[in-house]
PDB file of all heavy atoms in Angstrom:
ATOM      1  N   GLU A   1       0.799  -1.255   0.025  1.00  0.00           N
ATOM      2  CA  GLU A   1      -0.007  -0.059   0.124  1.00  0.00           C
ATOM      3  C   GLU A   1       0.737   1.258  -0.001  1.00  0.00           C
ATOM      4  O   GLU A   1       0.371   2.326  -0.315  1.00  0.00           O
ATOM      5  CB  GLU A   1      -0.930   0.075   1.141  1.00  0.00           C
ATOM      6  CG  GLU A   1      -1.967  -1.171   1.140  1.00  0.00           C
ATOM      7  CD  GLU A   1      -2.930  -1.138   2.294  1.00  0.00           C
ATOM      8  OE1 GLU A   1      -3.335  -0.047   2.753  1.00  0.00           O
ATOM      9  OE2 GLU A   1      -3.459  -2.143   2.796  1.00  0.00           O
ATOM     10  N   MET A   2       2.107   1.270   0.416  1.00  0.00           N
ATOM     11  CA  MET A   2       2.950   2.459   0.335  1.00  0.00           C
ATOM     12  C   MET A   2       4.070   2.219  -0.650  1.00  0.00           C
ATOM     13  O   MET A   2       4.847   3.299  -0.934  1.00  0.00           O
ATOM     14  CB  MET A   2       3.488   2.705   1.782  1.00  0.00           C
ATOM     15  CG  MET A   2       2.526   3.175   2.720  1.00  0.00           C
ATOM     16  SD  MET A   2       3.358   3.875   4.213  1.00  0.00           S
ATOM     17  CE  MET A   2       2.072   4.031   5.372  1.00  0.00           C
ATOM     18  N   GLY A   3       4.238   1.106  -1.219  1.00  0.00           N
ATOM     19  CA  GLY A   3       5.342   0.926  -2.121  1.00  0.00           C
ATOM     20  C   GLY A   3       6.704   0.919  -1.561  1.00  0.00           C
ATOM     21  O   GLY A   3       7.696   1.395  -2.176  1.00  0.00           O
ATOM     22  N   ILE A   4       6.826   0.530  -0.248  1.00  0.00           N
ATOM     23  CA  ILE A   4       8.140   0.549   0.446  1.00  0.00           C
ATOM     24  C   ILE A   4       8.769  -0.779   0.350  1.00  0.00           C
ATOM     25  O   ILE A   4       7.985  -1.847   0.549  1.00  0.00           O
ATOM     26  CB  ILE A   4       7.921   1.049   1.927  1.00  0.00           C
ATOM     27  CG1 ILE A   4       7.432   2.324   2.020  1.00  0.00           C
ATOM     28  CG2 ILE A   4       9.239   0.762   2.751  1.00  0.00           C
ATOM     29  CD1 ILE A   4       7.083   2.921   3.425  1.00  0.00           C
ATOM     30  N   ASP A   5      10.085  -0.840  -0.012  1.00  0.00           N
ATOM     31  CA  ASP A   5      10.772  -2.199  -0.045  1.00  0.00           C
ATOM     32  C   ASP A   5      11.052  -2.564   1.346  1.00  0.00           C
ATOM     33  O   ASP A   5      11.492  -1.810   2.268  1.00  0.00           O
ATOM     34  CB  ASP A   5      12.109  -1.983  -0.810  1.00  0.00           C
ATOM     35  CG  ASP A   5      11.903  -1.906  -2.355  1.00  0.00           C
ATOM     36  OD1 ASP A   5      11.103  -2.676  -2.855  1.00  0.00           O
ATOM     37  OD2 ASP A   5      12.487  -0.979  -2.913  1.00  0.00           O
ATOM     38  N   VAL A   6      10.810  -3.782   1.712  1.00  0.00           N
ATOM     39  CA  VAL A   6      11.059  -4.351   2.996  1.00  0.00           C
ATOM     40  C   VAL A   6      12.027  -5.560   2.943  1.00  0.00           C
ATOM     41  O   VAL A   6      11.682  -6.542   2.241  1.00  0.00           O
ATOM     42  CB  VAL A   6       9.730  -4.809   3.807  1.00  0.00           C
ATOM     43  CG1 VAL A   6      10.181  -5.445   5.129  1.00  0.00           C
ATOM     44  CG2 VAL A   6       8.869  -3.567   4.000  1.00  0.00           C
ATOM     45  N   TYR A   7      13.240  -5.494   3.650  1.00  0.00           N
ATOM     46  CA  TYR A   7      14.236  -6.478   3.621  1.00  0.00           C
ATOM     47  C   TYR A   7      14.223  -7.060   5.095  1.00  0.00           C
ATOM     48  O   TYR A   7      14.708  -6.296   5.942  1.00  0.00           O
ATOM     49  CB  TYR A   7      15.483  -5.938   3.097  1.00  0.00           C
ATOM     50  CG  TYR A   7      15.464  -5.334   1.725  1.00  0.00           C
ATOM     51  CD1 TYR A   7      15.593  -3.942   1.622  1.00  0.00           C
ATOM     52  CD2 TYR A   7      15.174  -6.038   0.623  1.00  0.00           C
ATOM     53  CE1 TYR A   7      15.464  -3.249   0.453  1.00  0.00           C
ATOM     54  CE2 TYR A   7      15.029  -5.478  -0.666  1.00  0.00           C
ATOM     55  CZ  TYR A   7      15.296  -4.053  -0.727  1.00  0.00           C
ATOM     56  OH  TYR A   7      15.209  -3.379  -1.947  1.00  0.00           O
ATOM     57  N   ALA A   8      13.785  -8.283   5.216  1.00  0.00           N
ATOM     58  CA  ALA A   8      13.872  -8.825   6.585  1.00  0.00           C
ATOM     59  C   ALA A   8      14.989  -9.823   6.642  1.00  0.00           C
ATOM     60  O   ALA A   8      15.141 -10.641   5.657  1.00  0.00           O
ATOM     61  CB  ALA A   8      12.599  -9.512   6.829  1.00  0.00           C
ATOM     62  N   PHE A   9      15.658 -10.042   7.678  1.00  0.00           N
ATOM     63  CA  PHE A   9      16.769 -10.941   7.931  1.00  0.00           C
ATOM     64  C   PHE A   9      16.574 -11.720   9.272  1.00  0.00           C
ATOM     65  O   PHE A   9      16.107 -11.219  10.355  1.00  0.00           O
ATOM     66  CB  PHE A   9      18.029 -10.147   8.087  1.00  0.00           C
ATOM     67  CG  PHE A   9      18.485  -9.357   6.856  1.00  0.00           C
ATOM     68  CD1 PHE A   9      17.837  -8.196   6.605  1.00  0.00           C
ATOM     69  CD2 PHE A   9      19.393  -9.846   5.997  1.00  0.00           C
ATOM     70  CE1 PHE A   9      18.189  -7.289   5.515  1.00  0.00           C
ATOM     71  CE2 PHE A   9      19.800  -9.077   4.862  1.00  0.00           C
ATOM     72  CZ  PHE A   9      19.095  -7.924   4.643  1.00  0.00           C
ATOM     73  N   GLY A  10      16.653 -13.025   9.197  1.00  0.00           N
ATOM     74  CA  GLY A  10      16.562 -13.772  10.381  1.00  0.00           C
ATOM     75  C   GLY A  10      16.602 -15.222  10.197  1.00  0.00           C
ATOM     76  O   GLY A  10      16.791 -15.778   9.085  1.00  0.00           O
ATOM     77  N   ILE A  11      16.846 -16.006  11.169  1.00  0.00           N
ATOM     78  CA  ILE A  11      16.884 -17.451  11.206  1.00  0.00           C
ATOM     79  C   ILE A  11      15.466 -18.054  11.097  1.00  0.00           C
ATOM     80  O   ILE A  11      14.437 -17.481  11.458  1.00  0.00           O
ATOM     81  CB  ILE A  11      17.640 -18.072  12.331  1.00  0.00           C
ATOM     82  CG1 ILE A  11      17.121 -17.695  13.698  1.00  0.00           C
ATOM     83  CG2 ILE A  11      19.067 -17.542  12.283  1.00  0.00           C
ATOM     84  CD1 ILE A  11      17.700 -18.273  14.804  1.00  0.00           C
ATOM     85  N   THR A  12      15.283 -19.185  10.548  1.00  0.00           N
ATOM     86  CA  THR A  12      13.979 -19.818  10.408  1.00  0.00           C
ATOM     87  C   THR A  12      13.502 -20.618  11.672  1.00  0.00           C
ATOM     88  O   THR A  12      12.406 -20.436  12.163  1.00  0.00           O
ATOM     89  CB  THR A  12      13.933 -20.628   9.063  1.00  0.00           C
ATOM     90  OG1 THR A  12      14.981 -21.715   9.200  1.00  0.00           O
ATOM     91  CG2 THR A  12      14.023 -19.862   7.834  1.00  0.00           C
ATOM     92  N   ALA A  13      14.451 -21.376  12.142  1.00  0.00           N
ATOM     93  CA  ALA A  13      14.050 -22.391  13.187  1.00  0.00           C
ATOM     94  C   ALA A  13      14.836 -22.079  14.376  1.00  0.00           C
ATOM     95  O   ALA A  13      16.070 -21.662  14.423  1.00  0.00           O
ATOM     96  CB  ALA A  13      14.248 -23.837  12.783  1.00  0.00           C
ATOM     97  N   ASP A  14      14.172 -22.520  15.617  1.00  0.00           N
ATOM     98  CA  ASP A  14      14.966 -22.351  16.897  1.00  0.00           C
ATOM     99  C   ASP A  14      15.697 -23.495  17.300  1.00  0.00           C
ATOM    100  O   ASP A  14      15.885 -24.471  16.465  1.00  0.00           O
ATOM    101  CB  ASP A  14      13.893 -22.020  17.979  1.00  0.00           C
ATOM    102  CG  ASP A  14      12.874 -23.267  18.159  1.00  0.00           C
ATOM    103  OD1 ASP A  14      13.085 -24.350  17.659  1.00  0.00           O
ATOM    104  OD2 ASP A  14      11.798 -22.975  18.899  1.00  0.00           O
ATOM    105  N   PHE A  15      16.233 -23.659  18.496  1.00  0.00           N
ATOM    106  CA  PHE A  15      17.017 -24.647  18.903  1.00  0.00           C
ATOM    107  C   PHE A  15      16.430 -25.966  18.951  1.00  0.00           C
ATOM    108  O   PHE A  15      17.153 -27.089  19.137  1.00  0.00           O
ATOM    109  CB  PHE A  15      17.601 -24.347  20.243  1.00  0.00           C
ATOM    110  CG  PHE A  15      16.790 -24.400  21.402  1.00  0.00           C
ATOM    111  CD1 PHE A  15      16.753 -25.473  22.281  1.00  0.00           C
ATOM    112  CD2 PHE A  15      15.852 -23.413  21.649  1.00  0.00           C
ATOM    113  CE1 PHE A  15      15.902 -25.448  23.409  1.00  0.00           C
ATOM    114  CE2 PHE A  15      14.895 -23.382  22.657  1.00  0.00           C
ATOM    115  CZ  PHE A  15      14.992 -24.459  23.627  1.00  0.00           C
ATOM    116  N   ARG A  16      14.997 -25.927  18.842  1.00  0.00           N
ATOM    117  CA  ARG A  16      14.309 -27.243  18.897  1.00  0.00           C
ATOM    118  C   ARG A  16      13.973 -27.589  17.461  1.00  0.00           C
ATOM    119  O   ARG A  16      13.302 -28.607  17.366  1.00  0.00           O
ATOM    120  CB  ARG A  16      13.018 -27.120  19.699  1.00  0.00           C
ATOM    121  CG  ARG A  16      13.255 -26.749  21.177  1.00  0.00           C
ATOM    122  CD  ARG A  16      11.995 -26.288  21.824  1.00  0.00           C
ATOM    123  NE  ARG A  16      11.458 -24.990  21.253  1.00  0.00           N
ATOM    124  CZ  ARG A  16      10.474 -24.193  21.669  1.00  0.00           C
ATOM    125  NH1 ARG A  16       9.800 -24.762  22.853  1.00  0.00           N
ATOM    126  NH2 ARG A  16      10.071 -23.233  20.958  1.00  0.00           N
ATOM    127  N   THR A  17      14.525 -26.917  16.502  1.00  0.00           N
ATOM    128  CA  THR A  17      14.215 -27.056  15.087  1.00  0.00           C
ATOM    129  C   THR A  17      12.718 -26.887  14.694  1.00  0.00           C
ATOM    130  O   THR A  17      12.245 -27.326  13.802  1.00  0.00           O
ATOM    131  CB  THR A  17      14.654 -28.591  14.520  1.00  0.00           C
ATOM    132  OG1 THR A  17      13.701 -29.472  15.093  1.00  0.00           O
ATOM    133  CG2 THR A  17      15.965 -28.837  14.854  1.00  0.00           C
ATOM    134  N   GLU A  18      12.132 -25.986  15.541  1.00  0.00           N
ATOM    135  CA  GLU A  18      10.798 -25.621  15.244  1.00  0.00           C
ATOM    136  C   GLU A  18      10.676 -24.094  14.692  1.00  0.00           C
ATOM    137  O   GLU A  18      11.573 -23.256  15.100  1.00  0.00           O
ATOM    138  CB  GLU A  18       9.889 -25.674  16.521  1.00  0.00           C
ATOM    139  CG  GLU A  18       9.733 -27.007  17.067  1.00  0.00           C
ATOM    140  CD  GLU A  18       9.051 -27.101  18.331  1.00  0.00           C
ATOM    141  OE1 GLU A  18       8.392 -25.972  18.764  1.00  0.00           O
ATOM    142  OE2 GLU A  18       8.883 -28.156  18.912  1.00  0.00           O
ATOM    143  N   LEU A  19       9.887 -23.785  13.757  1.00  0.00           N
ATOM    144  CA  LEU A  19       9.842 -22.459  13.178  1.00  0.00           C
ATOM    145  C   LEU A  19       9.519 -21.429  14.115  1.00  0.00           C
ATOM    146  O   LEU A  19       8.632 -21.596  15.000  1.00  0.00           O
ATOM    147  CB  LEU A  19       8.919 -22.401  11.964  1.00  0.00           C
ATOM    148  CG  LEU A  19       9.297 -23.185  10.755  1.00  0.00           C
ATOM    149  CD1 LEU A  19       8.115 -23.219   9.758  1.00  0.00           C
ATOM    150  CD2 LEU A  19      10.532 -22.682  10.069  1.00  0.00           C
ATOM    151  N   PHE A  20      10.195 -20.286  14.046  1.00  0.00           N
ATOM    152  CA  PHE A  20       9.804 -19.108  14.820  1.00  0.00           C
ATOM    153  C   PHE A  20       8.454 -18.569  14.224  1.00  0.00           C
ATOM    154  O   PHE A  20       8.286 -18.604  12.977  1.00  0.00           O
ATOM    155  CB  PHE A  20      10.720 -18.030  14.730  1.00  0.00           C
ATOM    156  CG  PHE A  20      12.005 -18.220  15.659  1.00  0.00           C
ATOM    157  CD1 PHE A  20      13.214 -18.715  15.185  1.00  0.00           C
ATOM    158  CD2 PHE A  20      11.969 -17.880  16.996  1.00  0.00           C
ATOM    159  CE1 PHE A  20      14.279 -18.943  16.006  1.00  0.00           C
ATOM    160  CE2 PHE A  20      13.108 -18.014  17.833  1.00  0.00           C
ATOM    161  CZ  PHE A  20      14.193 -18.631  17.308  1.00  0.00           C
ATOM    162  N   PRO A  21       7.537 -18.109  14.959  1.00  0.00           N
ATOM    163  CA  PRO A  21       6.349 -17.646  14.370  1.00  0.00           C
ATOM    164  C   PRO A  21       6.576 -16.434  13.349  1.00  0.00           C
ATOM    165  O   PRO A  21       5.863 -16.441  12.386  1.00  0.00           O
ATOM    166  CB  PRO A  21       5.535 -17.005  15.601  1.00  0.00           C
ATOM    167  CG  PRO A  21       6.030 -17.836  16.796  1.00  0.00           C
ATOM    168  CD  PRO A  21       7.507 -17.978  16.541  1.00  0.00           C
ATOM    169  N   GLY A  22       7.541 -15.612  13.650  1.00  0.00           N
ATOM    170  CA  GLY A  22       7.765 -14.468  12.748  1.00  0.00           C
ATOM    171  C   GLY A  22       8.281 -15.079  11.432  1.00  0.00           C
ATOM    172  O   GLY A  22       7.877 -14.585  10.426  1.00  0.00           O
ATOM    173  N   SER A  23       9.197 -16.000  11.481  1.00  0.00           N
ATOM    174  CA  SER A  23       9.752 -16.589  10.333  1.00  0.00           C
ATOM    175  C   SER A  23       8.824 -17.401   9.608  1.00  0.00           C
ATOM    176  O   SER A  23       8.785 -17.314   8.272  1.00  0.00           O
ATOM    177  CB  SER A  23      11.003 -17.503  10.684  1.00  0.00           C
ATOM    178  OG  SER A  23      11.985 -16.750  11.287  1.00  0.00           O
ATOM    179  N   ARG A  24       7.921 -18.012  10.240  1.00  0.00           N
ATOM    180  CA  ARG A  24       6.836 -18.812   9.430  1.00  0.00           C
ATOM    181  C   ARG A  24       5.943 -17.870   8.682  1.00  0.00           C
ATOM    182  O   ARG A  24       5.718 -18.115   7.510  1.00  0.00           O
ATOM    183  CB  ARG A  24       6.015 -19.556  10.461  1.00  0.00           C
ATOM    184  CG  ARG A  24       4.913 -20.425   9.764  1.00  0.00           C
ATOM    185  CD  ARG A  24       3.931 -20.980  10.770  1.00  0.00           C
ATOM    186  NE  ARG A  24       4.560 -21.924  11.570  1.00  0.00           N
ATOM    187  CZ  ARG A  24       4.777 -21.909  12.914  1.00  0.00           C
ATOM    188  NH1 ARG A  24       4.568 -20.746  13.608  1.00  0.00           N
ATOM    189  NH2 ARG A  24       5.414 -22.877  13.605  1.00  0.00           N
ATOM    190  N   ARG A  25       5.662 -16.784   9.197  1.00  0.00           N
ATOM    191  CA  ARG A  25       4.764 -15.765   8.640  1.00  0.00           C
ATOM    192  C   ARG A  25       5.547 -15.100   7.449  1.00  0.00           C
ATOM    193  O   ARG A  25       4.897 -14.830   6.404  1.00  0.00           O
ATOM    194  CB  ARG A  25       4.236 -14.729   9.528  1.00  0.00           C
ATOM    195  CG  ARG A  25       3.029 -14.031   9.061  1.00  0.00           C
ATOM    196  CD  ARG A  25       1.768 -14.953   8.895  1.00  0.00           C
ATOM    197  NE  ARG A  25       0.604 -14.351   8.421  1.00  0.00           N
ATOM    198  CZ  ARG A  25      -0.116 -14.772   7.480  1.00  0.00           C
ATOM    199  NH1 ARG A  25       0.301 -15.868   6.693  1.00  0.00           N
ATOM    200  NH2 ARG A  25      -1.239 -14.110   6.980  1.00  0.00           N
ATOM    201  N   LEU A  26       6.754 -14.891   7.595  1.00  0.00           N
ATOM    202  CA  LEU A  26       7.584 -14.278   6.545  1.00  0.00           C
ATOM    203  C   LEU A  26       7.574 -15.309   5.318  1.00  0.00           C
ATOM    204  O   LEU A  26       7.483 -14.981   4.128  1.00  0.00           O
ATOM    205  CB  LEU A  26       8.941 -13.917   7.066  1.00  0.00           C
ATOM    206  CG  LEU A  26       9.153 -12.614   7.704  1.00  0.00           C
ATOM    207  CD1 LEU A  26      10.382 -12.423   8.418  1.00  0.00           C
ATOM    208  CD2 LEU A  26       9.000 -11.478   6.738  1.00  0.00           C
ATOM    209  N   ILE A  27       7.916 -16.526   5.566  1.00  0.00           N
ATOM    210  CA  ILE A  27       7.861 -17.485   4.554  1.00  0.00           C
ATOM    211  C   ILE A  27       6.500 -17.575   3.831  1.00  0.00           C
ATOM    212  O   ILE A  27       6.504 -17.770   2.623  1.00  0.00           O
ATOM    213  CB  ILE A  27       8.300 -18.922   5.086  1.00  0.00           C
ATOM    214  CG1 ILE A  27       9.699 -18.890   5.622  1.00  0.00           C
ATOM    215  CG2 ILE A  27       8.125 -20.002   4.103  1.00  0.00           C
ATOM    216  CD1 ILE A  27      10.047 -20.111   6.396  1.00  0.00           C
ATOM    217  N   GLU A  28       5.437 -17.508   4.628  1.00  0.00           N
ATOM    218  CA  GLU A  28       4.169 -17.431   4.021  1.00  0.00           C
ATOM    219  C   GLU A  28       3.915 -16.188   3.050  1.00  0.00           C
ATOM    220  O   GLU A  28       3.067 -16.288   2.056  1.00  0.00           O
ATOM    221  CB  GLU A  28       3.075 -17.658   5.130  1.00  0.00           C
ATOM    222  CG  GLU A  28       3.166 -18.877   5.832  1.00  0.00           C
ATOM    223  CD  GLU A  28       2.343 -18.880   7.087  1.00  0.00           C
ATOM    224  OE1 GLU A  28       1.930 -17.778   7.504  1.00  0.00           O
ATOM    225  OE2 GLU A  28       2.048 -20.026   7.614  1.00  0.00           O
TER     226      GLU A  28
END
């Protein structure tokens, strides 16, 4: 809606090999 480029950086999974909620939503 604003035409702004967003570049997000992060790891996908935690120490239990489970996706972080934020990473899951970013992948989606």
